[in-house]
């Protein structure tokens, strides 16, 4: 699904003559996977700095609303 979204972003950029959509999709996918990795590490017992835990909680609340 991520590859499909990047492909669509690439095609939109080609049509518009830009590069912002593709990079936006790529960076959001990287951010999403990074948050997922940090969450899973915390569930496995790896100590997570409180700043990261708070940031993840904020992102979860924004995603729920």
PDB file of N, CA and C in Angstrom:
ATOM      1  N   UNK A   1       0.819  -1.180   0.000  1.00  0.00           N
ATOM      2  CA  UNK A   1       0.000   0.000   0.000  1.00  0.00           C
ATOM      3  C   UNK A   1       0.874   1.258   0.000  1.00  0.00           C
ATOM      4  N   UNK A   2       1.963   1.223   0.765  1.00  0.00           N
ATOM      5  CA  UNK A   2       2.871   2.382   0.786  1.00  0.00           C
ATOM      6  C   UNK A   2       3.464   2.627  -0.600  1.00  0.00           C
ATOM      7  N   UNK A   3       3.845   1.563  -1.272  1.00  0.00           N
ATOM      8  CA  UNK A   3       4.410   1.705  -2.614  1.00  0.00           C
ATOM      9  C   UNK A   3       3.384   2.311  -3.566  1.00  0.00           C
ATOM     10  N   UNK A   4       2.141   1.925  -3.420  1.00  0.00           N
ATOM     11  CA  UNK A   4       1.075   2.484  -4.247  1.00  0.00           C
ATOM     12  C   UNK A   4       0.912   3.980  -3.965  1.00  0.00           C
ATOM     13  N   UNK A   5       0.938   4.363  -2.687  1.00  0.00           N
ATOM     14  CA  UNK A   5       0.789   5.782  -2.348  1.00  0.00           C
ATOM     15  C   UNK A   5       1.961   6.601  -2.879  1.00  0.00           C
ATOM     16  N   UNK A   6       3.174   6.070  -2.792  1.00  0.00           N
ATOM     17  CA  UNK A   6       4.334   6.782  -3.331  1.00  0.00           C
ATOM     18  C   UNK A   6       4.219   6.897  -4.845  1.00  0.00           C
ATOM     19  N   UNK A   7       3.750   5.845  -5.493  1.00  0.00           N
ATOM     20  CA  UNK A   7       3.575   5.879  -6.951  1.00  0.00           C
ATOM     21  C   UNK A   7       2.551   6.923  -7.366  1.00  0.00           C
ATOM     22  N   UNK A   8       1.451   7.001  -6.637  1.00  0.00           N
ATOM     23  CA  UNK A   8       0.433   8.011  -6.941  1.00  0.00           C
ATOM     24  C   UNK A   8       1.001   9.410  -6.709  1.00  0.00           C
ATOM     25  N   UNK A   9       1.733   9.583  -5.613  1.00  0.00           N
ATOM     26  CA  UNK A   9       2.375  10.874  -5.352  1.00  0.00           C
ATOM     27  C   UNK A   9       3.347  11.253  -6.449  1.00  0.00           C
ATOM     28  N   UNK A  10       4.078  10.279  -6.941  1.00  0.00           N
ATOM     29  CA  UNK A  10       5.026  10.522  -8.031  1.00  0.00           C
ATOM     30  C   UNK A  10       4.299  10.968  -9.293  1.00  0.00           C
ATOM     31  N   UNK A  11       3.198  10.292  -9.606  1.00  0.00           N
ATOM     32  CA  UNK A  11       2.440  10.657 -10.803  1.00  0.00           C
ATOM     33  C   UNK A  11       1.819  12.054 -10.669  1.00  0.00           C
ATOM     34  N   UNK A  12       1.327  12.364  -9.476  1.00  0.00           N
ATOM     35  CA  UNK A  12       0.776  13.713  -9.266  1.00  0.00           C
ATOM     36  C   UNK A  12       1.855  14.773  -9.423  1.00  0.00           C
ATOM     37  N   UNK A  13       3.047  14.480  -8.930  1.00  0.00           N
ATOM     38  CA  UNK A  13       4.151  15.421  -9.092  1.00  0.00           C
ATOM     39  C   UNK A  13       4.524  15.593 -10.556  1.00  0.00           C
ATOM     40  N   UNK A  14       4.511  14.521 -11.310  1.00  0.00           N
ATOM     41  CA  UNK A  14       4.811  14.619 -12.736  1.00  0.00           C
ATOM     42  C   UNK A  14       3.787  15.484 -13.461  1.00  0.00           C
ATOM     43  N   UNK A  15       2.528  15.329 -13.099  1.00  0.00           N
ATOM     44  CA  UNK A  15       1.480  16.131 -13.734  1.00  0.00           C
ATOM     45  C   UNK A  15       1.613  17.611 -13.383  1.00  0.00           C
ATOM     46  N   UNK A  16       1.981  17.888 -12.134  1.00  0.00           N
ATOM     47  CA  UNK A  16       2.048  19.275 -11.673  1.00  0.00           C
ATOM     48  C   UNK A  16       3.427  19.896 -11.879  1.00  0.00           C
ATOM     49  N   UNK A  17       4.422  19.088 -12.185  1.00  0.00           N
ATOM     50  CA  UNK A  17       5.778  19.596 -12.349  1.00  0.00           C
ATOM     51  C   UNK A  17       6.446  19.935 -11.032  1.00  0.00           C
ATOM     52  N   UNK A  18       6.046  19.251  -9.970  1.00  0.00           N
ATOM     53  CA  UNK A  18       6.588  19.490  -8.629  1.00  0.00           C
ATOM     54  C   UNK A  18       7.257  18.235  -8.094  1.00  0.00           C
ATOM     55  N   UNK A  19       7.766  18.333  -6.872  1.00  0.00           N
ATOM     56  CA  UNK A  19       8.293  17.156  -6.180  1.00  0.00           C
ATOM     57  C   UNK A  19       7.799  17.083  -4.746  1.00  0.00           C
ATOM     58  N   UNK A  20       6.838  17.905  -4.388  1.00  0.00           N
ATOM     59  CA  UNK A  20       6.433  18.001  -2.991  1.00  0.00           C
ATOM     60  C   UNK A  20       5.514  16.858  -2.547  1.00  0.00           C
ATOM     61  N   UNK A  21       4.629  16.404  -3.406  1.00  0.00           N
ATOM     62  CA  UNK A  21       3.673  15.364  -3.015  1.00  0.00           C
ATOM     63  C   UNK A  21       4.404  14.058  -2.728  1.00  0.00           C
ATOM     64  N   UNK A  22       5.293  13.675  -3.624  1.00  0.00           N
ATOM     65  CA  UNK A  22       6.037  12.425  -3.450  1.00  0.00           C
ATOM     66  C   UNK A  22       6.822  12.452  -2.150  1.00  0.00           C
ATOM     67  N   UNK A  23       7.545  13.552  -1.902  1.00  0.00           N
ATOM     68  CA  UNK A  23       8.340  13.638  -0.684  1.00  0.00           C
ATOM     69  C   UNK A  23       7.464  13.693   0.562  1.00  0.00           C
ATOM     70  N   UNK A  24       6.318  14.335   0.465  1.00  0.00           N
ATOM     71  CA  UNK A  24       5.386  14.358   1.589  1.00  0.00           C
ATOM     72  C   UNK A  24       4.912  12.962   1.956  1.00  0.00           C
ATOM     73  N   UNK A  25       4.584  12.174   0.940  1.00  0.00           N
ATOM     74  CA  UNK A  25       4.135  10.796   1.169  1.00  0.00           C
ATOM     75  C   UNK A  25       5.268   9.958   1.780  1.00  0.00           C
ATOM     76  N   UNK A  26       6.466  10.121   1.239  1.00  0.00           N
ATOM     77  CA  UNK A  26       7.609   9.340   1.725  1.00  0.00           C
ATOM     78  C   UNK A  26       7.923   9.695   3.174  1.00  0.00           C
ATOM     79  N   UNK A  27       7.976  10.988   3.493  1.00  0.00           N
ATOM     80  CA  UNK A  27       8.307  11.395   4.858  1.00  0.00           C
ATOM     81  C   UNK A  27       7.226  11.006   5.853  1.00  0.00           C
ATOM     82  N   UNK A  28       5.965  11.063   5.443  1.00  0.00           N
ATOM     83  CA  UNK A  28       4.907  10.639   6.361  1.00  0.00           C
ATOM     84  C   UNK A  28       4.966   9.132   6.603  1.00  0.00           C
ATOM     85  N   UNK A  29       5.334   8.364   5.596  1.00  0.00           N
ATOM     86  CA  UNK A  29       5.482   6.916   5.780  1.00  0.00           C
ATOM     87  C   UNK A  29       6.645   6.611   6.718  1.00  0.00           C
ATOM     88  N   UNK A  30       7.748   7.325   6.558  1.00  0.00           N
ATOM     89  CA  UNK A  30       8.902   7.129   7.446  1.00  0.00           C
ATOM     90  C   UNK A  30       8.528   7.478   8.880  1.00  0.00           C
ATOM     91  N   UNK A  31       7.828   8.596   9.064  1.00  0.00           N
ATOM     92  CA  UNK A  31       7.419   9.004  10.413  1.00  0.00           C
ATOM     93  C   UNK A  31       6.479   7.979  11.030  1.00  0.00           C
ATOM     94  N   UNK A  32       5.542   7.472  10.249  1.00  0.00           N
ATOM     95  CA  UNK A  32       4.597   6.477  10.745  1.00  0.00           C
ATOM     96  C   UNK A  32       5.318   5.197  11.179  1.00  0.00           C
ATOM     97  N   UNK A  33       6.249   4.736  10.380  1.00  0.00           N
ATOM     98  CA  UNK A  33       6.984   3.517  10.724  1.00  0.00           C
ATOM     99  C   UNK A  33       7.894   3.729  11.935  1.00  0.00           C
ATOM    100  N   UNK A  34       8.481   4.919  12.054  1.00  0.00           N
ATOM    101  CA  UNK A  34       9.335   5.217  13.203  1.00  0.00           C
ATOM    102  C   UNK A  34       8.529   5.188  14.496  1.00  0.00           C
ATOM    103  N   UNK A  35       7.357   5.795  14.482  1.00  0.00           N
ATOM    104  CA  UNK A  35       6.487   5.774  15.663  1.00  0.00           C
ATOM    105  C   UNK A  35       6.105   4.343  16.001  1.00  0.00           C
ATOM    106  N   UNK A  36       5.797   3.548  14.999  1.00  0.00           N
ATOM    107  CA  UNK A  36       5.427   2.154  15.225  1.00  0.00           C
ATOM    108  C   UNK A  36       6.576   1.363  15.849  1.00  0.00           C
ATOM    109  N   UNK A  37       7.778   1.583  15.360  1.00  0.00           N
ATOM    110  CA  UNK A  37       8.945   0.880  15.909  1.00  0.00           C
ATOM    111  C   UNK A  37       9.169   1.267  17.370  1.00  0.00           C
ATOM    112  N   UNK A  38       9.047   2.557  17.667  1.00  0.00           N
ATOM    113  CA  UNK A  38       9.241   3.015  19.045  1.00  0.00           C
ATOM    114  C   UNK A  38       8.163   2.438  19.960  1.00  0.00           C
ATOM    115  N   UNK A  39       6.914   2.426  19.504  1.00  0.00           N
ATOM    116  CA  UNK A  39       5.832   1.839  20.304  1.00  0.00           C
ATOM    117  C   UNK A  39       6.093   0.367  20.581  1.00  0.00           C
ATOM    118  N   UNK A  40       6.478  -0.382  19.566  1.00  0.00           N
ATOM    119  CA  UNK A  40       6.734  -1.812  19.738  1.00  0.00           C
ATOM    120  C   UNK A  40       7.932  -2.064  20.649  1.00  0.00           C
ATOM    121  N   UNK A  41       8.946  -1.237  20.550  1.00  0.00           N
ATOM    122  CA  UNK A  41      10.096  -1.381  21.443  1.00  0.00           C
ATOM    123  C   UNK A  41       9.669  -1.151  22.889  1.00  0.00           C
ATOM    124  N   UNK A  42       8.804  -0.156  23.105  1.00  0.00           N
ATOM    125  CA  UNK A  42       8.298   0.090  24.456  1.00  0.00           C
ATOM    126  C   UNK A  42       7.491  -1.072  24.980  1.00  0.00           C
ATOM    127  N   UNK A  43       6.700  -1.712  24.135  1.00  0.00           N
ATOM    128  CA  UNK A  43       5.921  -2.875  24.548  1.00  0.00           C
ATOM    129  C   UNK A  43       6.814  -4.070  24.894  1.00  0.00           C
ATOM    130  N   UNK A  44       7.992  -4.139  24.278  1.00  0.00           N
ATOM    131  CA  UNK A  44       8.926  -5.231  24.564  1.00  0.00           C
ATOM    132  C   UNK A  44       9.759  -4.961  25.807  1.00  0.00           C
ATOM    133  N   UNK A  45       9.601  -3.790  26.413  1.00  0.00           N
ATOM    134  CA  UNK A  45      10.312  -3.497  27.640  1.00  0.00           C
ATOM    135  C   UNK A  45      11.537  -2.623  27.473  1.00  0.00           C
ATOM    136  N   UNK A  46      11.800  -2.160  26.270  1.00  0.00           N
ATOM    137  CA  UNK A  46      12.933  -1.268  26.045  1.00  0.00           C
ATOM    138  C   UNK A  46      12.572   0.091  26.658  1.00  0.00           C
ATOM    139  N   UNK A  47      13.460   0.649  27.470  1.00  0.00           N
ATOM    140  CA  UNK A  47      13.136   1.947  28.071  1.00  0.00           C
ATOM    141  C   UNK A  47      13.062   3.047  27.014  1.00  0.00           C
ATOM    142  N   UNK A  48      11.952   3.773  27.028  1.00  0.00           N
ATOM    143  CA  UNK A  48      11.707   4.856  26.079  1.00  0.00           C
ATOM    144  C   UNK A  48      11.777   6.168  26.866  1.00  0.00           C
ATOM    145  N   UNK A  49      12.519   7.147  26.361  1.00  0.00           N
ATOM    146  CA  UNK A  49      12.582   8.442  27.055  1.00  0.00           C
ATOM    147  C   UNK A  49      11.183   9.055  27.194  1.00  0.00           C
ATOM    148  N   UNK A  50      10.914   9.695  28.326  1.00  0.00           N
ATOM    149  CA  UNK A  50       9.583  10.274  28.547  1.00  0.00           C
ATOM    150  C   UNK A  50       9.159  11.273  27.469  1.00  0.00           C
ATOM    151  N   UNK A  51      10.108  11.973  26.895  1.00  0.00           N
ATOM    152  CA  UNK A  51       9.775  12.941  25.838  1.00  0.00           C
ATOM    153  C   UNK A  51       9.166  12.214  24.631  1.00  0.00           C
ATOM    154  N   UNK A  52       9.747  11.073  24.258  1.00  0.00           N
ATOM    155  CA  UNK A  52       9.205  10.308  23.128  1.00  0.00           C
ATOM    156  C   UNK A  52       7.843   9.719  23.465  1.00  0.00           C
ATOM    157  N   UNK A  53       7.675   9.234  24.696  1.00  0.00           N
ATOM    158  CA  UNK A  53       6.386   8.686  25.097  1.00  0.00           C
ATOM    159  C   UNK A  53       5.299   9.751  25.017  1.00  0.00           C
ATOM    160  N   UNK A  54       5.619  10.962  25.486  1.00  0.00           N
ATOM    161  CA  UNK A  54       4.653  12.052  25.441  1.00  0.00           C
ATOM    162  C   UNK A  54       4.316  12.418  23.993  1.00  0.00           C
ATOM    163  N   UNK A  55       5.327  12.456  23.131  1.00  0.00           N
ATOM    164  CA  UNK A  55       5.095  12.784  21.720  1.00  0.00           C
ATOM    165  C   UNK A  55       4.208  11.740  21.058  1.00  0.00           C
ATOM    166  N   UNK A  56       4.425  10.478  21.363  1.00  0.00           N
ATOM    167  CA  UNK A  56       3.606   9.411  20.786  1.00  0.00           C
ATOM    168  C   UNK A  56       2.171   9.522  21.278  1.00  0.00           C
ATOM    169  N   UNK A  57       1.997   9.820  22.575  1.00  0.00           N
ATOM    170  CA  UNK A  57       0.643   9.987  23.103  1.00  0.00           C
ATOM    171  C   UNK A  57      -0.082  11.140  22.427  1.00  0.00           C
ATOM    172  N   UNK A  58       0.630  12.244  22.185  1.00  0.00           N
ATOM    173  CA  UNK A  58       0.029  13.392  21.508  1.00  0.00           C
ATOM    174  C   UNK A  58      -0.390  13.010  20.085  1.00  0.00           C
ATOM    175  N   UNK A  59       0.493  12.284  19.377  1.00  0.00           N
ATOM    176  CA  UNK A  59       0.166  11.864  18.014  1.00  0.00           C
ATOM    177  C   UNK A  59      -1.037  10.913  18.000  1.00  0.00           C
ATOM    178  N   UNK A  60      -1.107  10.033  18.991  1.00  0.00           N
ATOM    179  CA  UNK A  60      -2.254   9.112  19.063  1.00  0.00           C
ATOM    180  C   UNK A  60      -3.552   9.874  19.275  1.00  0.00           C
ATOM    181  N   UNK A  61      -3.515  10.873  20.178  1.00  0.00           N
ATOM    182  CA  UNK A  61      -4.718  11.661  20.441  1.00  0.00           C
ATOM    183  C   UNK A  61      -5.155  12.429  19.189  1.00  0.00           C
ATOM    184  N   UNK A  62      -4.202  12.984  18.449  1.00  0.00           N
ATOM    185  CA  UNK A  62      -4.538  13.712  17.224  1.00  0.00           C
ATOM    186  C   UNK A  62      -5.098  12.761  16.172  1.00  0.00           C
ATOM    187  N   UNK A  63      -4.582  11.547  16.140  1.00  0.00           N
ATOM    188  CA  UNK A  63      -5.061  10.579  15.158  1.00  0.00           C
ATOM    189  C   UNK A  63      -6.453  10.067  15.483  1.00  0.00           C
ATOM    190  N   UNK A  64      -6.798  10.020  16.770  1.00  0.00           N
ATOM    191  CA  UNK A  64      -8.122   9.537  17.169  1.00  0.00           C
ATOM    192  C   UNK A  64      -9.219  10.563  16.911  1.00  0.00           C
ATOM    193  N   UNK A  65      -8.850  11.840  16.925  1.00  0.00           N
ATOM    194  CA  UNK A  65      -9.887  12.871  16.762  1.00  0.00           C
ATOM    195  C   UNK A  65     -10.097  13.270  15.320  1.00  0.00           C
TER     196      UNK A  65
END
